[in-house]
C-alpha atoms as a PDB file:
ATOM      1  CA  MET A   1       7.087  11.576   4.241  1.00  0.00           C
ATOM      2  CA  GLY A   2       6.846  12.499   7.927  1.00  0.00           C
ATOM      3  CA  ALA A   3      10.496  11.894   8.496  1.00  0.00           C
ATOM      4  CA  ARG A   4      11.389  14.195   5.512  1.00  0.00           C
ATOM      5  CA  LEU A   5       9.065  16.877   6.803  1.00  0.00           C
ATOM      6  CA  THR A   6      10.712  16.583  10.341  1.00  0.00           C
ATOM      7  CA  PHE A   7      14.224  16.769   8.761  1.00  0.00           C
ATOM      8  CA  ALA A   8      13.173  19.851   6.857  1.00  0.00           C
ATOM      9  CA  ILE A   9      11.571  21.685   9.771  1.00  0.00           C
ATOM     10  CA  GLY A  10      13.872  20.382  12.498  1.00  0.00           C
ATOM     11  CA  PRO A  11      16.868  22.463  11.758  1.00  0.00           C
ATOM     12  CA  GLU A  12      14.956  25.627  11.389  1.00  0.00           C
ATOM     13  CA  HIS A  13      13.483  25.292  14.857  1.00  0.00           C
ATOM     14  CA  SER A  14      16.472  24.405  17.208  1.00  0.00           C
ATOM     15  CA  GLY A  15      17.204  21.015  15.655  1.00  0.00           C
ATOM     16  CA  GLY A  16      20.409  22.147  13.969  1.00  0.00           C
ATOM     17  CA  PRO A  17      22.776  21.362  17.044  1.00  0.00           C
ATOM     18  CA  THR A  18      21.213  17.928  17.364  1.00  0.00           C
ATOM     19  CA  ILE A  19      21.975  17.288  13.621  1.00  0.00           C
ATOM     20  CA  VAL A  20      25.559  18.459  14.082  1.00  0.00           C
ATOM     21  CA  ARG A  21      25.912  16.073  17.162  1.00  0.00           C
ATOM     22  CA  PHE A  22      24.404  13.160  15.225  1.00  0.00           C
ATOM     23  CA  SER A  23      26.765  13.811  12.423  1.00  0.00           C
ATOM     24  CA  GLU A  24      29.898  13.903  14.677  1.00  0.00           C
ATOM     25  CA  GLN A  25      28.962  10.782  16.627  1.00  0.00           C
ATOM     26  CA  HIS A  26      28.409   8.791  13.484  1.00  0.00           C
ATOM     27  CA  HIS A  27      31.271  10.220  11.450  1.00  0.00           C
ATOM     28  CA  ILE A  28      29.111  11.811   8.803  1.00  0.00           C
ATOM     29  CA  THR A  29      31.644  14.362   7.537  1.00  0.00           C
ATOM     30  CA  THR A  30      30.385  15.297   3.992  1.00  0.00           C
ATOM     31  CA  ILE A  31      27.278  16.915   2.643  1.00  0.00           C
ATOM     32  CA  GLN A  32      27.182  14.075   0.039  1.00  0.00           C
ATOM     33  CA  ALA A  33      26.597  11.493   2.714  1.00  0.00           C
ATOM     34  CA  TRP A  34      23.375  13.330   3.873  1.00  0.00           C
ATOM     35  CA  VAL A  35      22.262  13.762   0.206  1.00  0.00           C
ATOM     36  CA  SER A  36      22.696   9.986  -0.379  1.00  0.00           C
ATOM     37  CA  GLY A  37      20.828   9.264   2.831  1.00  0.00           C
ATOM     38  CA  LEU A  38      17.885  11.438   1.952  1.00  0.00           C
ATOM     39  CA  ILE A  39      17.760   9.935  -1.503  1.00  0.00           C
ATOM     40  CA  VAL A  40      17.609   6.526   0.015  1.00  0.00           C
ATOM     41  CA  MET A  41      14.970   7.784   2.429  1.00  0.00           C
ATOM     42  CA  VAL A  42      12.820   9.158  -0.456  1.00  0.00           C
ATOM     43  CA  LEU A  43      13.184   5.803  -2.558  1.00  0.00           C
ATOM     44  CA  CYS A  44      12.037   3.788   0.568  1.00  0.00           C
ATOM     45  CA  GLU A  45       8.990   6.103   0.945  1.00  0.00           C
ATOM     46  CA  VAL A  46       8.078   5.648  -2.739  1.00  0.00           C
ATOM     47  CA  GLY A  47       8.593   1.916  -2.569  1.00  0.00           C
ATOM     48  CA  THR A  48       6.435   1.643   0.515  1.00  0.00           C
ATOM     49  CA  ARG A  49       3.680   3.839  -0.981  1.00  0.00           C
ATOM     50  CA  VAL A  50       3.703   1.719  -4.395  1.00  0.00           C
ATOM     51  CA  GLY A  51       3.597  -1.544  -2.226  1.00  0.00           C
ATOM     52  CA  THR A  52       0.638  -0.227  -0.125  1.00  0.00           C
ATOM     53  CA  LEU A  53      -1.274   0.810  -3.313  1.00  0.00           C
ATOM     54  CA  LEU A  54      -0.662  -2.558  -4.882  1.00  0.00           C
ATOM     55  CA  VAL A  55      -2.010  -4.386  -1.824  1.00  0.00           C
ATOM     56  CA  ARG A  56      -4.980  -2.124  -1.672  1.00  0.00           C
ATOM     57  CA  VAL A  57      -5.793  -2.487  -5.291  1.00  0.00           C
ATOM     58  CA  ALA A  58      -5.520  -6.282  -5.039  1.00  0.00           C
ATOM     59  CA  GLY A  59      -8.007  -6.159  -2.003  1.00  0.00           C
ATOM     60  CA  ALA A  60     -10.385  -3.995  -3.969  1.00  0.00           C
ATOM     61  CA  LYS A  61     -10.333  -6.346  -6.992  1.00  0.00           C
ATOM     62  CA  ARG A  62     -11.029  -9.409  -4.703  1.00  0.00           C
ATOM     63  CA  ALA A  63     -13.900  -7.467  -3.105  1.00  0.00           C
ATOM     64  CA  ALA A  64     -15.333  -6.407  -6.358  1.00  0.00           C
ATOM     65  CA  SER A  65     -15.247  -9.957  -7.814  1.00  0.00           C
ATOM     66  CA  ARG A  66     -16.907 -11.381  -4.693  1.00  0.00           C
ATOM     67  CA  SER A  67     -19.654  -8.802  -4.907  1.00  0.00           C
ATOM     68  CA  VAL A  68     -20.159  -9.402  -8.542  1.00  0.00           C
ATOM     69  CA  ALA A  69     -20.334 -13.171  -8.077  1.00  0.00           C
ATOM     70  CA  SER A  70     -22.687 -12.697  -5.186  1.00  0.00           C
ATOM     71  CA  ALA A  71     -24.935 -10.376  -7.219  1.00  0.00           C
ATOM     72  CA  ALA A  72     -24.986 -12.837 -10.041  1.00  0.00           C
ATOM     73  CA  GLY A  73     -26.095 -15.578  -7.535  1.00  0.00           C
ATOM     74  CA  PHE A  74     -28.873 -13.437  -6.352  1.00  0.00           C
ATOM     75  CA  GLN A  75     -29.957 -12.766  -9.818  1.00  0.00           C
ATOM     76  CA  LEU A  76     -30.013 -16.351 -10.761  1.00  0.00           C
ATOM     77  CA  ALA A  77     -32.062 -17.242  -7.770  1.00  0.00           C
ATOM     78  CA  ALA A  78     -34.605 -14.643  -8.485  1.00  0.00           C
ATOM     79  CA  VAL A  79     -35.341 -16.154 -11.801  1.00  0.00           C
ATOM     80  CA  GLY A  80     -35.487 -19.617 -10.394  1.00  0.00           C
ATOM     81  CA  VAL A  81     -32.135 -21.083 -11.451  1.00  0.00           C
ATOM     82  CA  ARG A  82     -29.908 -22.937  -8.953  1.00  0.00           C
ATOM     83  CA  PRO A  83     -26.682 -24.742  -9.304  1.00  0.00           C
ATOM     84  CA  MET A  84     -26.885 -28.558  -9.803  1.00  0.00           C
ATOM     85  CA  ARG A  85     -25.043 -30.642  -7.436  1.00  0.00           C
ATOM     86  CA  GLY A  86     -22.106 -32.745  -8.445  1.00  0.00           C
ATOM     87  CA  LEU A  87     -21.839 -31.425 -12.001  1.00  0.00           C
ATOM     88  CA  GLY A  88     -19.585 -28.444 -11.528  1.00  0.00           C
ATOM     89  CA  ALA A  89     -20.225 -24.788 -11.320  1.00  0.00           C
ATOM     90  CA  GLU A  90     -21.334 -24.434 -15.013  1.00  0.00           C
ATOM     91  CA  ALA A  91     -24.321 -26.798 -14.672  1.00  0.00           C
ATOM     92  CA  ARG A  92     -27.514 -25.189 -13.745  1.00  0.00           C
ATOM     93  CA  GLU A  93     -31.049 -26.416 -13.501  1.00  0.00           C
ATOM     94  CA  VAL A  94     -34.348 -24.509 -13.723  1.00  0.00           C
ATOM     95  CA  VAL A  95     -36.763 -24.929 -10.890  1.00  0.00           C
END
């Protein structure tokens, strides 16, 4: 998003000649090439944003499941129930 903002503001504030030089040096001769480039830039921004959100959601889900499991363990300990050793997570004994 920052690149798009810079590209939008740059030509209005003395960046126009720089863009013209860049276009000449890289043989970008049509407006369609710039349009295509900007569309690719937007797609990359959206893809990055979606990927970032997916990673954050996965992390939040993991943290929530850990805190729920931790809270459940504290509740069981408060009423005197502890896991039995060697019988699996489902087995519990009352103390």
